[in-house]
Each structure stands twice: as structure tokens, then as C-alpha cells.
Protein backbone atom coordinates (compact mmCIF):
# COMPACT_ATOMS: atom_id res chain seq x y z
CA MET A 1 -8.69 -3.39 20.81
CA TYR A 2 -7.49 0.12 20.02
CA ASP A 3 -9.81 2.95 19.09
CA LEU A 4 -7.29 3.90 16.44
CA VAL A 5 -4.19 2.65 14.64
CA ILE A 6 -2.16 5.35 12.87
CA ILE A 7 0.11 4.17 10.06
CA GLY A 8 3.01 6.59 9.65
CA GLY A 9 5.05 8.43 12.29
CA GLY A 10 5.72 11.67 10.43
CA PRO A 11 4.41 15.13 11.38
CA THR A 12 0.87 14.23 10.26
CA GLY A 13 0.84 10.90 12.09
CA LEU A 14 2.12 12.60 15.26
CA ASN A 15 -0.52 15.32 14.85
CA VAL A 16 -3.30 12.72 14.68
CA ALA A 17 -1.77 10.90 17.68
CA LEU A 18 -1.55 14.09 19.72
CA THR A 19 -5.18 14.91 18.97
CA ALA A 20 -6.19 11.35 19.91
CA GLU A 21 -4.18 11.60 23.14
CA LYS A 22 -5.98 14.80 24.12
CA ALA A 23 -9.34 13.19 23.30
CA GLY A 24 -8.62 10.22 25.55
CA LEU A 25 -8.65 7.64 22.75
CA SER A 26 -6.59 4.46 22.81
CA TYR A 27 -4.20 4.44 19.85
CA VAL A 28 -0.81 3.38 18.54
CA VAL A 29 1.38 4.84 15.80
CA LEU A 30 3.16 2.33 13.55
CA GLU A 31 6.26 3.70 11.80
CA LYS A 32 8.44 1.63 9.46
CA GLY A 33 11.62 3.59 10.20
CA VAL A 34 12.81 6.30 12.56
CA LEU A 35 10.60 8.98 14.08
CA VAL A 36 9.59 11.45 11.32
CA ASN A 37 11.44 9.21 8.89
CA SER A 38 10.88 11.43 5.85
CA ILE A 39 12.41 14.50 7.53
CA TYR A 40 15.36 12.38 8.64
CA GLN A 41 16.03 11.56 4.98
CA PHE A 42 16.14 15.23 3.96
CA PRO A 43 19.58 16.66 3.07
CA VAL A 44 21.70 17.24 6.17
CA ASN A 45 21.91 21.02 5.67
CA MET A 46 18.36 21.52 4.40
CA THR A 47 16.29 24.56 5.37
CA PHE A 48 12.49 24.39 5.17
CA PHE A 49 10.55 26.66 2.82
CA SER A 50 7.99 27.24 5.59
CA THR A 51 8.40 29.20 8.79
CA SER A 52 8.63 27.32 12.07
CA GLN A 53 5.21 28.64 13.09
CA LYS A 54 3.58 26.93 10.10
CA LEU A 55 5.21 23.61 11.02
CA GLU A 56 3.84 23.61 14.56
CA ILE A 57 1.34 20.94 15.55
CA GLY A 58 -0.86 20.50 18.60
CA GLU A 59 -0.51 24.17 19.53
CA THR A 60 3.04 23.38 20.65
CA PRO A 61 5.48 26.21 19.80
CA PHE A 62 8.32 25.45 17.39
CA ILE A 63 11.24 27.74 18.25
CA SER A 64 14.00 28.04 15.64
CA HIS A 65 17.08 30.24 15.39
CA THR A 66 15.87 31.87 12.17
CA ASP A 67 12.53 32.40 10.46
CA LYS A 68 12.91 29.20 8.42
CA PRO A 69 13.96 26.18 10.50
CA THR A 70 16.55 23.60 9.58
CA ARG A 71 16.22 19.83 9.31
CA LYS A 72 18.11 19.44 12.59
CA GLU A 73 15.72 21.79 14.39
CA ALA A 74 12.68 19.99 12.96
CA LEU A 75 13.97 16.59 14.11
CA GLU A 76 14.51 18.00 17.59
CA TYR A 77 11.04 19.63 17.66
CA TYR A 78 9.13 16.49 16.70
CA ARG A 79 11.26 14.31 19.01
CA ARG A 80 10.58 16.56 21.99
CA LEU A 81 6.89 16.74 21.10
CA GLN A 82 6.62 12.94 20.98
CA GLN A 83 8.45 12.54 24.27
CA SER A 84 6.72 15.41 26.09
CA TYR A 85 3.23 14.07 25.34
CA LYS A 86 4.37 10.44 25.65
CA LEU A 87 2.84 9.65 22.28
CA LYS A 88 2.57 5.91 21.74
CA VAL A 89 4.81 5.22 18.75
CA LYS A 90 6.23 1.90 17.56
CA LEU A 91 9.37 2.46 15.46
CA TYR A 92 11.00 0.10 12.93
CA GLU A 93 7.71 -1.73 12.52
CA PRO A 94 6.50 -1.59 8.90
CA VAL A 95 2.88 -2.45 8.19
CA VAL A 96 2.44 -5.46 5.92
CA SER A 97 -1.32 -5.83 5.46
CA MET A 98 -4.77 -4.94 6.75
CA ARG A 99 -8.03 -6.85 6.74
CA ARG A 100 -11.56 -6.30 7.97
CA VAL A 101 -12.55 -8.19 11.13
CA GLY A 102 -16.30 -8.32 11.65
CA GLU A 103 -18.30 -5.17 10.98
CA LYS A 104 -16.50 -2.64 13.16
CA ALA A 105 -12.80 -3.49 13.30
CA TYR A 106 -9.61 -3.94 11.28
CA GLU A 107 -6.64 -6.19 11.86
CA ILE A 108 -3.31 -4.59 10.97
CA GLN A 109 -0.34 -6.90 10.50
CA THR A 110 3.21 -5.53 10.89
CA SER A 111 6.61 -7.17 10.65
CA LYS A 112 6.48 -7.78 14.42
CA ALA A 113 2.89 -8.00 15.66
CA THR A 114 -0.84 -7.85 14.93
CA TYR A 115 -3.03 -4.93 16.04
CA THR A 116 -6.81 -4.62 16.05
CA ALA A 117 -8.57 -1.26 15.89
CA ALA A 118 -11.99 0.21 15.25
CA HIS A 119 -10.47 2.94 13.09
CA VAL A 120 -7.33 3.36 10.99
CA VAL A 121 -5.57 6.50 9.76
CA VAL A 122 -3.06 6.15 6.93
CA ALA A 123 -0.58 9.05 7.07
CA THR A 124 2.38 7.66 5.14
CA GLY A 125 3.20 10.72 3.03
CA PHE A 126 5.25 10.19 -0.13
CA TYR A 127 8.91 11.01 0.50
CA ASP A 128 9.88 7.39 1.16
CA THR A 129 9.07 6.29 -2.41
CA PRO A 130 11.16 7.94 -5.16
CA ARG A 131 9.96 8.11 -8.74
CA MET A 132 12.18 5.68 -10.58
CA LEU A 133 13.84 6.30 -13.94
CA HIS A 134 13.23 2.74 -15.18
CA VAL A 135 16.45 2.66 -17.18
CA PRO A 136 19.24 0.05 -17.31
CA GLY A 137 21.83 0.62 -14.59
CA GLU A 138 19.52 2.43 -12.18
CA ASP A 139 20.33 -0.19 -9.54
CA LEU A 140 24.06 0.63 -9.55
CA PRO A 141 25.46 1.89 -6.21
CA LYS A 142 26.46 5.18 -7.88
CA VAL A 143 22.79 6.13 -8.43
CA LYS A 144 21.15 8.01 -5.57
CA HIS A 145 17.49 9.01 -5.28
CA TYR A 146 18.13 10.83 -2.01
CA TYR A 147 20.70 13.54 -1.43
CA ASP A 148 22.40 13.85 1.93
CA ASP A 149 25.57 15.91 1.80
CA ALA A 150 27.97 17.36 -0.79
CA HIS A 151 31.19 15.97 0.67
CA PRO A 152 31.08 12.52 -1.03
CA TYR A 153 31.01 14.23 -4.43
CA VAL A 154 34.08 16.43 -4.07
CA GLY A 155 36.13 16.11 -7.29
CA GLN A 156 33.60 13.75 -8.85
CA ARG A 157 31.69 13.89 -12.14
CA VAL A 158 28.07 14.23 -11.05
CA LEU A 159 24.94 14.05 -13.17
CA VAL A 160 21.90 15.69 -11.54
CA ILE A 161 18.56 14.63 -13.06
CA GLY A 162 15.67 17.06 -12.69
CA ALA A 163 14.89 20.77 -12.85
CA ALA A 164 12.87 21.58 -9.72
CA ASN A 165 13.98 22.89 -6.31
CA SER A 166 15.78 19.77 -5.14
CA ALA A 167 17.70 19.32 -8.39
CA CYS A 168 18.80 22.95 -8.49
CA ASP A 169 19.83 22.91 -4.83
CA VAL A 170 21.84 19.72 -5.32
CA ALA A 171 23.50 20.96 -8.50
CA LEU A 172 24.58 24.21 -6.84
CA GLU A 173 25.77 22.66 -3.58
CA THR A 174 27.82 19.90 -5.20
CA TYR A 175 29.30 22.40 -7.70
CA GLN A 176 30.25 24.78 -4.88
CA LYS A 177 32.05 21.91 -3.09
CA GLY A 178 34.15 21.02 -6.13
CA ALA A 179 32.13 18.54 -8.18
CA GLU A 180 31.99 18.65 -11.98
CA VAL A 181 28.23 18.99 -12.40
CA THR A 182 26.01 18.21 -15.39
CA MET A 183 22.21 18.45 -15.40
CA ALA A 184 19.80 16.37 -17.51
CA ILE A 185 16.44 18.14 -17.82
CA ARG A 186 13.47 16.67 -19.67
CA GLN A 187 11.80 20.03 -20.20
CA HIS A 188 13.02 22.97 -22.26
CA GLU A 189 13.60 25.08 -19.13
CA LEU A 190 14.07 24.95 -15.37
CA TYR A 191 10.93 24.51 -13.28
CA PRO A 192 9.39 28.04 -13.22
CA LYS A 193 8.66 27.87 -9.47
CA VAL A 194 12.22 27.21 -8.35
CA LYS A 195 12.84 29.19 -5.14
CA TYR A 196 13.37 32.85 -5.97
CA TRP A 197 16.71 33.00 -4.18
CA ILE A 198 18.00 29.90 -6.01
CA LYS A 199 16.77 30.45 -9.57
CA PRO A 200 19.09 33.35 -10.54
CA ASN A 201 22.08 31.50 -9.10
CA ILE A 202 21.51 28.29 -11.03
CA GLU A 203 20.66 30.19 -14.22
CA ASN A 204 23.91 32.17 -13.97
CA ARG A 205 25.99 29.05 -13.34
CA ILE A 206 24.45 27.42 -16.42
CA ALA A 207 24.89 30.56 -18.55
CA GLU A 208 28.59 30.86 -17.71
CA GLY A 209 29.17 27.15 -18.27
CA SER A 210 30.14 26.29 -14.71
CA ILE A 211 27.26 23.79 -14.70
CA GLN A 212 26.52 22.04 -17.99
CA ALA A 213 22.77 21.71 -18.56
CA HIS A 214 21.18 19.56 -21.27
CA PHE A 215 17.53 20.51 -21.85
CA ASN A 216 14.93 18.34 -23.60
CA THR A 217 17.15 15.44 -22.59
CA GLU A 218 16.47 12.06 -20.99
CA VAL A 219 18.70 9.40 -19.44
CA LYS A 220 18.74 6.16 -21.45
CA ALA A 221 21.26 3.98 -19.62
CA ILE A 222 23.70 4.19 -16.72
CA TYR A 223 27.08 2.43 -16.53
CA PRO A 224 29.80 2.40 -13.84
CA ASP A 225 31.87 5.04 -15.67
CA ARG A 226 29.41 6.82 -18.00
CA VAL A 227 25.78 7.69 -18.77
CA ASP A 228 23.92 7.50 -22.08
CA LEU A 229 21.62 10.47 -22.76
CA GLU A 230 19.30 11.43 -25.61
CA GLY A 231 18.59 15.04 -26.52
CA PRO A 232 17.29 17.07 -29.48
CA GLU A 233 20.32 16.10 -31.57
CA GLY A 234 20.20 12.40 -30.74
CA LYS A 235 22.01 10.09 -28.35
CA PHE A 236 25.30 10.96 -26.67
CA THR A 237 27.44 9.74 -23.78
CA ILE A 238 29.13 11.59 -20.92
CA PRO A 239 31.72 10.28 -18.42
CA ASN A 240 30.25 9.98 -14.95
CA ASP A 241 30.98 8.94 -11.37
CA PHE A 242 27.63 9.57 -9.63
CA VAL A 243 24.01 10.05 -10.67
CA LEU A 244 21.77 12.07 -8.34
CA ALA A 245 18.21 11.47 -9.54
CA MET A 246 16.15 14.32 -8.09
CA THR A 247 13.05 13.19 -9.95
CA GLY A 248 10.54 13.53 -7.14
CA TYR A 249 8.57 11.11 -5.03
CA GLU A 250 5.13 9.51 -4.87
CA PRO A 251 2.94 7.66 -2.35
CA ASN A 252 3.76 4.06 -1.54
CA TYR A 253 1.14 2.52 -3.80
CA ALA A 254 2.28 -1.02 -2.99
CA LEU A 255 1.41 -0.41 0.66
CA LEU A 256 -1.91 1.23 -0.22
CA ALA A 257 -2.78 -1.86 -2.28
CA ALA A 258 -1.84 -4.12 0.65
CA LEU A 259 -4.19 -2.08 2.83
CA GLY A 260 -6.98 -2.45 0.27
CA LEU A 261 -7.34 1.27 -0.41
CA PRO A 262 -8.76 2.09 -3.86
CA ILE A 263 -6.92 4.59 -6.08
CA SER A 264 -8.36 6.99 -8.66
CA GLU A 265 -7.62 6.01 -12.26
CA ASP A 266 -6.56 9.48 -13.43
CA ALA A 267 -3.04 10.90 -13.56
CA ALA A 268 -3.25 12.16 -9.96
CA ALA A 269 -3.71 8.58 -8.67
CA LEU A 270 -5.44 9.81 -5.53
CA PRO A 271 -6.31 7.42 -2.72
CA LEU A 272 -10.10 7.70 -2.88
CA HIS A 273 -11.52 9.66 0.05
CA ASP A 274 -14.14 12.21 1.04
CA GLU A 275 -12.42 15.60 0.90
CA GLU A 276 -14.41 16.92 3.86
CA THR A 277 -14.23 13.94 6.23
CA LEU A 278 -11.03 12.31 4.85
CA GLU A 279 -12.72 8.91 5.15
CA THR A 280 -11.98 6.36 2.43
CA PRO A 281 -14.50 3.92 0.91
CA LEU A 282 -13.43 1.53 3.70
CA PRO A 283 -15.65 2.49 6.68
CA GLY A 284 -13.61 3.86 9.56
CA VAL A 285 -10.40 4.11 7.52
CA TYR A 286 -9.06 7.62 6.86
CA ILE A 287 -6.11 9.16 5.06
CA ALA A 288 -4.33 12.28 6.27
CA GLY A 289 -1.61 14.71 5.29
CA VAL A 290 0.11 15.01 1.93
CA LEU A 291 -1.03 11.50 0.98
CA CYS A 292 -4.42 13.03 0.14
CA ALA A 293 -2.89 14.66 -2.94
CA GLY A 294 -1.68 11.44 -4.56
CA ARG A 295 0.94 12.17 -7.19
CA ARG A 296 0.25 15.92 -6.97
CA THR A 297 3.02 16.17 -4.42
CA SER A 298 3.35 19.96 -4.67
CA LYS A 299 -0.27 20.56 -3.65
CA LEU A 300 -0.25 19.69 0.06
CA PHE A 301 2.35 20.30 2.77
CA ILE A 302 2.59 20.07 6.55
CA GLU A 303 1.24 23.59 7.00
CA ASN A 304 -1.99 23.12 5.04
CA THR A 305 -2.89 19.70 6.45
CA ARG A 306 -2.49 20.48 10.15
CA ASP A 307 -6.26 20.38 10.67
CA HIS A 308 -6.52 16.76 9.52
CA GLY A 309 -6.04 15.40 13.02
CA GLU A 310 -8.93 17.42 14.40
CA ILE A 311 -11.17 16.50 11.45
CA ILE A 312 -10.58 12.77 11.88
CA ILE A 313 -10.53 12.54 15.67
CA GLY A 314 -13.69 14.64 15.89
CA GLN A 315 -15.52 12.02 13.84
CA ILE A 316 -14.13 9.09 15.81
CA VAL A 317 -15.14 10.66 19.13
CA ALA A 318 -18.62 11.41 17.80
CA ARG A 319 -19.04 7.80 16.65
CA LYS A 320 -17.90 6.46 20.00
CA GLU A 321 -20.50 8.60 21.73
CA VAL A 322 -23.20 7.26 19.39
CA TYR A 323 -22.14 3.65 19.98
CA ALA A 324 -22.09 4.27 23.75
CA LYS A 325 -25.73 5.25 23.65
């Protein structure tokens, strides 16, 4: 039986694993996809908002070519960290369910095996679960909830949905590579906290008409060659080749339900936990990282959750010492 099973192999999961490794605990990390799967799904040319120093974990230096590291550099950093410390990570092994076994253990079932542990840390983040539009046609191949690279959209009629950083970045990059870009924005303005070096650029492109922006507008239906929208003056239709829905992401609530974790009933939909200890109402089960913020996905980041590993592992070690006595 493991001391600890960690669900999620992103930066937070690796941080918890590294802390457990240093503490001499037996553990395993279960990751449904590739190592740091969420970062792998970021746009190919993405640059982090944070400095490399703020993305470091386990007191292991993160060296980047510039002040703000790229996606490629982050993938390399976390890969080398996992390999250097020989962190025990199982990839391509999604967790299916969890149940209590006796008074002091949990059984975690994956697609491949069953694991038993005295403690569990859920560090699944939110980037793997996009917020859906729930409109007809959303399942068409032309609709993307993740953006990778501008090249596929050269010469295409692209609708970007959203008004925050990702939407503005995508609109500008696809426009600069030759796409005919339209934006559908539910609010009356762009998100006020769009990155300061991006906001003037997108505002100028909209003002000059290079990018057509429809404010107070929602998508009603998507078809292979067009999209139905509804704005202040009623419904209208635009021709379209691709829809890039940059509408944000949320925790995987289906997985949290399968694990038996209770969720708050307010708009934040927080996985219930003690904010100081990070322990959930399930004894010995913790949550860590950005998952702690629920749907408030702009509240927590890698840099302000780096202490979660120490908080959790400190409690597990203390409990083991008590049980040993």
C-alpha cells in the first residue's frame, strides 16, 4: 500500500511528488495523458505571463532564454525535473473511481490497474475541461476549444469567441497570418485585464476594421459553412470556416464526482476543503493547485500554489509519526 496516490501529473502533482520523494514517502502519480498534459495543450508559440523563477518547484532552478519562458522551455523543465528526481509517474492512465477501504485507506481504480493508498492528493487543475457553448453544431470538426497554431487558419474565415487574454491572442495571431477574423463577445467590452501589451493592439485592429468585433453578442448555432449569432439588433448569420471557442476552462467535475468529493453549491463550485490544510471532508484526501479555486480559474496559478506540496506532505509525515507511536 502506498503512503500517497497523486492524481494529476502537472506542475502541482509533480511538486507534491517531489516533496513526497524528499520525505521518503511511498507514492505514485497517476496522469491521464502526457507529462504536464495541460502545458502540452497550450498554444505552440505561447509565452507564460510569469517569470521562470515563479514557475520553479522543489527549489530546482528554471533557466529560460528570456524573463518569461515559453511553452517549449516549460515542457523541457518539468521533463528534466521528473527524470532527474526519478519521480514515479504513470502516464496515459486516467483515474476512473475511488472508494474507501477500511478506516485508513482508499482504493483508486484507473483504466489499467488498482492502487491502494493511505492518502490521496487530487491535483487535476482545470485546463483539460473547456467550458462548452451548449449550442447546436458545437460538435462539428471545425469547432476548436483549444488553440495550437495559426497556420491551419491561413486564408480562412475564423470566428473567435471570447474577450479575455486567450481570445485576444488568438484573434491577433490568426489575423496576422492571413485569416479573416471575427470576434463574438458576450460583454459590451473586452476583458479589462487583457495583457497590457496586447490590449492596445487588439483595440486598434478592431477600431480600424481589420478584425470585426460583435459586442453583446452570443453564438446561437454553428453550421459547416456559417454561424448564427444574436446581438443587440437581433439574430444574424456570418459565413464561417472555423470556430475557435476561447471561452475558458473549469475543473473536471465528472471526475470529482467519481472520486466522491463534495462541491460547494455557489457559483464558484469549489471542491470543499480546509483552506489551511487543503484536506477535503474525506479524511486523508487533499486537493492542491489551481483546483482549489473551482470555477474562479483566474484566482490561483502555479506561482501562488507552490507551497501546497509542503503543506500536504508535512501533514502526512506527521500522521505517520503518530501512527508509528
